[in-house]
Amino acid sequence: MIRHATLLALAALLTGCSRTVAPPAPPRQTAGATVVTLTSSTSAHTGDNTLSVTLADAATGAPVGNANITATPEMLSPRMSGANTTGRSQGNGFYTIPIRLGVASRYSIVLKIERPGKAAAEAAFIVEASQ
């Protein structure tokens, strides 16, 4: 009886150790009337990258497919801005934005979102570029 209880306790302990941890939610911000989610990895590399972003209306949650997005990378140390690039709608609120990161460093990617009938808004996400 004691051996059986010990085995059950050991099995319960081992089962608890094998749980998987859910991946963290993608970075999300509310920018004016728009919820902006960075769905691509926040890990990037030097050279050409593609950011993936989803836009949703903050009031309704509906995908926003008619926005103009401009992305500007700003290296944090030393403080330097990169070239602006524009995003392309892929449908259903999903956008891709080509972006070039010059050197391995930490960047703030500033996204300017313009929607018809809404005030322009900005969201910034931190991206770490490796070699």
C-alpha atoms as a PDB file:
ATOM      1  CA  MET A   1       0.000   0.000   0.000  1.00  0.00           C
ATOM      2  CA  ILE A   2       2.800   2.430   0.884  1.00  0.00           C
ATOM      3  CA  ARG A   3       4.717   1.461  -2.275  1.00  0.00           C
ATOM      4  CA  HIS A   4       1.594   2.154  -4.369  1.00  0.00           C
ATOM      5  CA  ALA A   5       1.118   5.587  -2.753  1.00  0.00           C
ATOM      6  CA  THR A   6       4.789   6.406  -3.332  1.00  0.00           C
ATOM      7  CA  LEU A   7       4.516   5.446  -7.004  1.00  0.00           C
ATOM      8  CA  LEU A   8       1.397   7.588  -7.428  1.00  0.00           C
ATOM      9  CA  ALA A   9       3.110  10.565  -5.785  1.00  0.00           C
ATOM     10  CA  LEU A  10       6.178  10.126  -8.000  1.00  0.00           C
ATOM     11  CA  ALA A  11       4.002   9.875 -11.122  1.00  0.00           C
ATOM     12  CA  ALA A  12       2.151  13.058 -10.156  1.00  0.00           C
ATOM     13  CA  LEU A  13       5.441  14.860  -9.574  1.00  0.00           C
ATOM     14  CA  LEU A  14       6.875  13.756 -12.924  1.00  0.00           C
ATOM     15  CA  THR A  15       3.671  14.687 -14.756  1.00  0.00           C
ATOM     16  CA  GLY A  16       3.867  18.187 -13.301  1.00  0.00           C
ATOM     17  CA  CYS A  17       7.455  18.549 -14.515  1.00  0.00           C
ATOM     18  CA  SER A  18       6.617  17.656 -18.086  1.00  0.00           C
ATOM     19  CA  ARG A  19       4.148  20.481 -18.688  1.00  0.00           C
ATOM     20  CA  THR A  20       4.915  22.658 -21.642  1.00  0.00           C
ATOM     21  CA  VAL A  21       4.878  26.421 -21.301  1.00  0.00           C
ATOM     22  CA  ALA A  22       2.745  28.329 -23.781  1.00  0.00           C
ATOM     23  CA  PRO A  23       4.691  30.709 -26.009  1.00  0.00           C
ATOM     24  CA  PRO A  24       4.368  34.381 -25.103  1.00  0.00           C
ATOM     25  CA  ALA A  25       1.679  36.397 -26.859  1.00  0.00           C
ATOM     26  CA  PRO A  26       2.925  38.547 -29.730  1.00  0.00           C
ATOM     27  CA  PRO A  27       3.610  42.192 -28.864  1.00  0.00           C
ATOM     28  CA  ARG A  28       0.424  44.270 -29.132  1.00  0.00           C
ATOM     29  CA  GLN A  29      -0.364  47.955 -28.711  1.00  0.00           C
ATOM     30  CA  THR A  30      -3.378  50.166 -29.130  1.00  0.00           C
ATOM     31  CA  ALA A  31      -2.555  53.142 -31.342  1.00  0.00           C
ATOM     32  CA  GLY A  32      -5.502  55.516 -31.530  1.00  0.00           C
ATOM     33  CA  ALA A  33      -8.436  53.612 -33.044  1.00  0.00           C
ATOM     34  CA  THR A  34      -6.275  50.644 -34.083  1.00  0.00           C
ATOM     35  CA  VAL A  35      -4.885  47.597 -32.298  1.00  0.00           C
ATOM     36  CA  VAL A  36      -1.461  46.818 -33.769  1.00  0.00           C
ATOM     37  CA  THR A  37       0.089  43.365 -33.309  1.00  0.00           C
ATOM     38  CA  LEU A  38       3.619  42.509 -34.405  1.00  0.00           C
ATOM     39  CA  THR A  39       3.165  38.922 -35.562  1.00  0.00           C
ATOM     40  CA  SER A  40       6.666  38.376 -36.928  1.00  0.00           C
ATOM     41  CA  SER A  41       9.476  37.505 -34.595  1.00  0.00           C
ATOM     42  CA  THR A  42      11.054  40.320 -32.629  1.00  0.00           C
ATOM     43  CA  SER A  43      14.387  38.696 -33.547  1.00  0.00           C
ATOM     44  CA  ALA A  44      15.788  40.054 -36.757  1.00  0.00           C
ATOM     45  CA  HIS A  45      19.124  40.127 -38.551  1.00  0.00           C
ATOM     46  CA  THR A  46      21.242  42.693 -40.305  1.00  0.00           C
ATOM     47  CA  GLY A  47      20.140  43.356 -43.854  1.00  0.00           C
ATOM     48  CA  ASP A  48      16.691  42.858 -45.343  1.00  0.00           C
ATOM     49  CA  ASN A  49      13.850  41.693 -43.076  1.00  0.00           C
ATOM     50  CA  THR A  50      10.080  41.474 -43.404  1.00  0.00           C
ATOM     51  CA  LEU A  51       7.865  42.566 -40.534  1.00  0.00           C
ATOM     52  CA  SER A  52       4.425  41.001 -40.269  1.00  0.00           C
ATOM     53  CA  VAL A  53       1.763  43.150 -38.636  1.00  0.00           C
ATOM     54  CA  THR A  54      -1.962  42.730 -38.055  1.00  0.00           C
ATOM     55  CA  LEU A  55      -4.326  45.654 -37.614  1.00  0.00           C
ATOM     56  CA  ALA A  56      -7.742  45.523 -35.972  1.00  0.00           C
ATOM     57  CA  ASP A  57     -10.260  48.213 -35.149  1.00  0.00           C
ATOM     58  CA  ALA A  58      -9.978  48.989 -31.428  1.00  0.00           C
ATOM     59  CA  ALA A  59     -13.760  49.402 -31.006  1.00  0.00           C
ATOM     60  CA  THR A  60     -15.017  46.404 -32.984  1.00  0.00           C
ATOM     61  CA  GLY A  61     -12.055  44.038 -33.289  1.00  0.00           C
ATOM     62  CA  ALA A  62     -12.672  43.828 -37.052  1.00  0.00           C
ATOM     63  CA  PRO A  63      -9.604  43.480 -39.303  1.00  0.00           C
ATOM     64  CA  VAL A  64      -8.417  46.738 -40.875  1.00  0.00           C
ATOM     65  CA  GLY A  65      -7.549  46.247 -44.520  1.00  0.00           C
ATOM     66  CA  ASN A  66      -7.481  49.817 -45.814  1.00  0.00           C
ATOM     67  CA  ALA A  67      -4.657  51.383 -43.805  1.00  0.00           C
ATOM     68  CA  ASN A  68      -1.392  52.904 -44.923  1.00  0.00           C
ATOM     69  CA  ILE A  69       1.554  51.866 -42.757  1.00  0.00           C
ATOM     70  CA  THR A  70       4.961  53.518 -42.741  1.00  0.00           C
ATOM     71  CA  ALA A  71       7.759  51.890 -40.743  1.00  0.00           C
ATOM     72  CA  THR A  72      10.872  53.710 -39.555  1.00  0.00           C
ATOM     73  CA  PRO A  73      13.675  51.805 -37.818  1.00  0.00           C
ATOM     74  CA  GLU A  74      15.474  53.820 -35.147  1.00  0.00           C
ATOM     75  CA  MET A  75      18.685  52.332 -33.787  1.00  0.00           C
ATOM     76  CA  LEU A  76      18.686  52.962 -30.035  1.00  0.00           C
ATOM     77  CA  SER A  77      22.430  53.238 -29.380  1.00  0.00           C
ATOM     78  CA  PRO A  78      23.819  55.284 -30.965  1.00  0.00           C
ATOM     79  CA  ARG A  79      20.545  56.995 -31.820  1.00  0.00           C
ATOM     80  CA  MET A  80      20.124  56.848 -35.618  1.00  0.00           C
ATOM     81  CA  SER A  81      17.073  56.649 -37.887  1.00  0.00           C
ATOM     82  CA  GLY A  82      16.866  54.416 -40.928  1.00  0.00           C
ATOM     83  CA  ALA A  83      14.893  54.773 -44.139  1.00  0.00           C
ATOM     84  CA  ASN A  84      11.077  54.803 -44.104  1.00  0.00           C
ATOM     85  CA  THR A  85       9.337  51.871 -45.803  1.00  0.00           C
ATOM     86  CA  THR A  86       5.665  51.229 -46.471  1.00  0.00           C
ATOM     87  CA  GLY A  87       3.598  48.144 -45.737  1.00  0.00           C
ATOM     88  CA  ARG A  88       1.397  46.172 -48.089  1.00  0.00           C
ATOM     89  CA  SER A  89      -1.973  44.749 -47.188  1.00  0.00           C
ATOM     90  CA  GLN A  90      -2.156  40.977 -47.616  1.00  0.00           C
ATOM     91  CA  GLY A  91      -5.864  40.946 -46.738  1.00  0.00           C
ATOM     92  CA  ASN A  92      -7.847  40.363 -43.534  1.00  0.00           C
ATOM     93  CA  GLY A  93      -5.896  43.011 -41.578  1.00  0.00           C
ATOM     94  CA  PHE A  94      -2.497  41.387 -42.267  1.00  0.00           C
ATOM     95  CA  TYR A  95       0.360  43.537 -43.592  1.00  0.00           C
ATOM     96  CA  THR A  96       3.965  42.865 -44.562  1.00  0.00           C
ATOM     97  CA  ILE A  97       6.589  45.567 -44.338  1.00  0.00           C
ATOM     98  CA  PRO A  98      10.075  45.237 -45.826  1.00  0.00           C
ATOM     99  CA  ILE A  99      12.658  46.805 -43.565  1.00  0.00           C
ATOM    100  CA  ARG A 100      16.435  47.063 -43.692  1.00  0.00           C
ATOM    101  CA  LEU A 101      18.493  46.983 -40.501  1.00  0.00           C
ATOM    102  CA  GLY A 102      22.036  48.189 -41.107  1.00  0.00           C
ATOM    103  CA  VAL A 103      23.948  46.721 -38.167  1.00  0.00           C
ATOM    104  CA  ALA A 104      23.487  44.312 -35.306  1.00  0.00           C
ATOM    105  CA  SER A 105      21.829  46.466 -32.660  1.00  0.00           C
ATOM    106  CA  ARG A 106      18.600  47.166 -30.820  1.00  0.00           C
ATOM    107  CA  TYR A 107      15.973  49.083 -32.799  1.00  0.00           C
ATOM    108  CA  SER A 108      12.690  50.773 -32.100  1.00  0.00           C
ATOM    109  CA  ILE A 109      10.497  50.181 -35.141  1.00  0.00           C
ATOM    110  CA  VAL A 110       8.022  53.064 -35.286  1.00  0.00           C
ATOM    111  CA  LEU A 111       4.863  52.265 -37.246  1.00  0.00           C
ATOM    112  CA  LYS A 112       2.735  55.175 -38.431  1.00  0.00           C
ATOM    113  CA  ILE A 113      -0.819  54.009 -39.214  1.00  0.00           C
ATOM    114  CA  GLU A 114      -3.147  56.102 -41.354  1.00  0.00           C
ATOM    115  CA  ARG A 115      -6.778  55.028 -41.812  1.00  0.00           C
ATOM    116  CA  PRO A 116      -9.521  56.807 -43.722  1.00  0.00           C
ATOM    117  CA  GLY A 117     -11.692  58.806 -41.308  1.00  0.00           C
ATOM    118  CA  LYS A 118      -9.383  58.183 -38.304  1.00  0.00           C
ATOM    119  CA  ALA A 119      -6.561  60.220 -36.813  1.00  0.00           C
ATOM    120  CA  ALA A 120      -3.061  59.020 -37.700  1.00  0.00           C
ATOM    121  CA  ALA A 121      -1.458  57.044 -34.875  1.00  0.00           C
ATOM    122  CA  GLU A 122       1.921  55.534 -34.038  1.00  0.00           C
ATOM    123  CA  ALA A 123       3.062  52.363 -32.339  1.00  0.00           C
ATOM    124  CA  ALA A 124       6.688  51.389 -31.569  1.00  0.00           C
ATOM    125  CA  PHE A 125       8.111  47.904 -31.098  1.00  0.00           C
ATOM    126  CA  ILE A 126      11.607  46.927 -29.932  1.00  0.00           C
ATOM    127  CA  VAL A 127      13.460  44.571 -32.294  1.00  0.00           C
ATOM    128  CA  GLU A 128      16.886  43.037 -31.680  1.00  0.00           C
ATOM    129  CA  ALA A 129      18.950  42.583 -34.865  1.00  0.00           C
ATOM    130  CA  SER A 130      21.724  39.998 -34.816  1.00  0.00           C
ATOM    131  CA  GLN A 131      24.472  39.362 -37.374  1.00  0.00           C
END
